Amino acid sequence: MGFDFCGMRRVIALALAVFISSACAAESDGQQPIRIGPHAFQVEVAATSQQRERGLMGRTRLPENGGMLFVFDTTRRHCFWMRNTPLPLSIAFIDEAGRISNITDMQPHTDTLHCPTIAIRYALEVSQGKFAQRGIIAGNQVDGLPQ
């Protein structure tokens, strides 16, 4: 009885195709395009408690129009800190209707709590100053938020 090289190559090719497909899907999972007025962002979505706890910890850079969108199961005053986060960030707190309640800047590696002024469902972190550079302020509507 001989070894079936052709059959083995097919199995390896199939396994490789599944692996590549899974890797590509994993890269695109969690990416969400959102808009604030004329400004487009391509953000990573942190929708699970584990993703929200990890946030942007350890990141040393973000894409120009990138950021992280935190999606919460419940609407309340969710607060943030910057422990183990080396990037200076700006955060927009967003209510259930998609309206920005307030924006604040956060300094790297601090335990200072940054809280919304009202109960929120979302929070958007971007590189510090990106909201101000684009004229994005409290009261602006955020479109494309996941439900």
Protein backbone atom coordinates (compact mmCIF):
# COMPACT_ATOMS: atom_id res chain seq x y z
CA MET A 1 0.00 0.00 0.00
CA GLY A 2 1.53 3.33 -1.07
CA PHE A 3 1.18 6.84 0.29
CA ASP A 4 -1.33 9.08 -1.57
CA PHE A 5 0.68 12.30 -2.18
CA CYS A 6 -2.08 13.85 -4.32
CA GLY A 7 -4.67 13.27 -1.63
CA MET A 8 -2.36 14.69 1.03
CA ARG A 9 -1.70 17.79 -1.10
CA ARG A 10 -5.45 18.34 -1.45
CA VAL A 11 -5.93 18.08 2.32
CA ILE A 12 -3.07 20.54 2.95
CA ALA A 13 -4.40 22.94 0.29
CA LEU A 14 -7.88 22.80 1.80
CA ALA A 15 -6.56 23.34 5.32
CA LEU A 16 -4.47 26.30 4.11
CA ALA A 17 -7.48 27.83 2.32
CA VAL A 18 -9.62 27.51 5.47
CA PHE A 19 -6.82 29.02 7.61
CA ILE A 20 -6.33 31.99 5.25
CA SER A 21 -10.09 32.55 5.02
CA SER A 22 -10.39 32.49 8.82
CA ALA A 23 -7.45 34.88 9.24
CA CYS A 24 -8.94 37.35 6.75
CA ALA A 25 -12.33 37.13 8.45
CA ALA A 26 -10.73 37.71 11.85
CA GLU A 27 -8.99 40.83 10.55
CA SER A 28 -12.22 42.29 9.21
CA ASP A 29 -14.39 41.20 12.16
CA GLY A 30 -14.83 44.05 14.56
CA GLN A 31 -14.13 46.78 11.96
CA GLN A 32 -16.92 49.29 11.56
CA PRO A 33 -17.18 52.37 9.36
CA ILE A 34 -18.82 55.29 11.18
CA ARG A 35 -19.41 58.93 10.29
CA ILE A 36 -19.61 62.11 12.29
CA GLY A 37 -20.90 64.71 9.87
CA PRO A 38 -18.57 64.65 6.85
CA HIS A 39 -15.83 62.80 8.78
CA ALA A 40 -15.36 59.06 8.23
CA PHE A 41 -13.65 56.72 10.68
CA GLN A 42 -12.83 53.03 10.35
CA VAL A 43 -12.93 51.77 13.92
CA GLU A 44 -12.32 48.55 15.78
CA VAL A 45 -15.36 47.45 17.74
CA ALA A 46 -15.04 46.38 21.37
CA ALA A 47 -18.42 44.79 22.08
CA THR A 48 -17.55 42.05 24.58
CA SER A 49 -16.45 42.65 28.16
CA GLN A 50 -13.04 41.15 27.34
CA GLN A 51 -12.57 43.44 24.33
CA ARG A 52 -13.70 46.48 26.33
CA GLU A 53 -11.32 45.65 29.22
CA ARG A 54 -8.39 45.32 26.80
CA GLY A 55 -9.28 48.42 24.81
CA LEU A 56 -6.21 50.05 23.29
CA MET A 57 -3.79 48.86 26.00
CA GLY A 58 -0.27 48.42 24.69
CA ARG A 59 -0.95 50.14 21.36
CA THR A 60 1.69 52.57 20.19
CA ARG A 61 -0.18 53.96 17.18
CA LEU A 62 -3.56 54.23 15.50
CA PRO A 63 -4.38 54.69 11.82
CA GLU A 64 -5.11 58.30 10.77
CA ASN A 65 -8.88 57.74 10.67
CA GLY A 66 -8.89 54.82 13.06
CA GLY A 67 -10.01 54.34 16.61
CA MET A 68 -11.91 52.03 18.91
CA LEU A 69 -15.66 52.03 19.39
CA PHE A 70 -16.84 50.64 22.71
CA VAL A 71 -20.35 49.19 22.54
CA PHE A 72 -22.11 48.48 25.83
CA ASP A 73 -25.06 46.19 26.50
CA THR A 74 -26.55 48.67 28.94
CA THR A 75 -26.89 52.43 28.90
CA ARG A 76 -25.24 54.00 31.97
CA ARG A 77 -22.31 56.19 33.00
CA HIS A 78 -19.41 53.97 31.82
CA CYS A 79 -16.05 55.44 32.91
CA PHE A 80 -12.60 54.94 31.34
CA TRP A 81 -8.96 55.08 32.43
CA MET A 82 -5.62 54.83 30.63
CA ARG A 83 -3.73 52.19 32.61
CA ASN A 84 -1.22 50.41 30.33
CA THR A 85 -2.21 52.61 27.38
CA PRO A 86 0.81 54.48 25.93
CA LEU A 87 -1.17 56.62 23.45
CA PRO A 88 -2.71 59.97 24.36
CA LEU A 89 -6.37 59.63 23.37
CA SER A 90 -9.52 61.68 23.01
CA ILE A 91 -12.79 60.00 23.92
CA ALA A 92 -16.30 60.90 22.79
CA PHE A 93 -19.11 59.62 24.97
CA ILE A 94 -22.18 58.79 22.86
CA ASP A 95 -25.75 58.28 24.04
CA GLU A 96 -28.17 55.60 22.84
CA ALA A 97 -29.49 57.88 20.08
CA GLY A 98 -25.95 58.37 18.69
CA ARG A 99 -25.44 61.93 19.96
CA ILE A 100 -22.06 62.91 21.48
CA SER A 101 -22.63 64.02 25.09
CA ASN A 102 -19.09 65.13 25.85
CA ILE A 103 -15.48 64.75 24.69
CA THR A 104 -12.41 64.64 26.88
CA ASP A 105 -8.66 64.12 26.42
CA MET A 106 -6.92 61.32 28.31
CA GLN A 107 -3.24 61.12 29.17
CA PRO A 108 -1.21 57.89 28.78
CA HIS A 109 -0.57 55.50 31.67
CA THR A 110 -2.93 57.15 34.15
CA ASP A 111 -5.64 55.79 36.42
CA THR A 112 -7.66 59.01 36.30
CA LEU A 113 -11.30 58.19 35.63
CA HIS A 114 -12.94 59.86 32.63
CA CYS A 115 -16.72 59.67 32.81
CA PRO A 116 -19.58 60.80 30.61
CA THR A 117 -21.89 63.59 31.75
CA ILE A 118 -24.94 61.37 31.08
CA ALA A 119 -25.74 57.67 30.62
CA ILE A 120 -24.16 56.41 27.38
CA ARG A 121 -24.29 53.32 25.18
CA TYR A 122 -21.08 53.97 23.17
CA ALA A 123 -17.66 55.54 23.53
CA LEU A 124 -15.24 56.35 20.72
CA GLU A 125 -11.50 56.64 21.32
CA VAL A 126 -9.23 58.25 18.72
CA SER A 127 -5.74 59.75 18.76
CA GLN A 128 -5.73 62.81 20.96
CA GLY A 129 -6.77 65.96 19.14
CA LYS A 130 -8.46 64.24 16.16
CA PHE A 131 -11.94 65.38 17.19
CA ALA A 132 -10.78 68.98 17.71
CA GLN A 133 -8.90 69.00 14.38
CA ARG A 134 -12.12 68.01 12.60
CA GLY A 135 -14.38 70.38 14.53
CA ILE A 136 -16.26 67.48 16.15
CA ILE A 137 -18.01 68.64 19.31
CA ALA A 138 -20.62 67.61 21.88
CA GLY A 139 -24.04 67.46 20.25
CA ASN A 140 -22.79 66.04 16.94
CA GLN A 141 -24.55 62.93 15.63
CA VAL A 142 -22.60 59.70 15.04
CA ASP A 143 -23.93 57.58 12.18
CA GLY A 144 -23.28 53.88 11.50
CA LEU A 145 -23.29 52.72 15.12
CA PRO A 146 -24.10 49.03 15.66
CA GLN A 147 -27.36 48.31 17.41
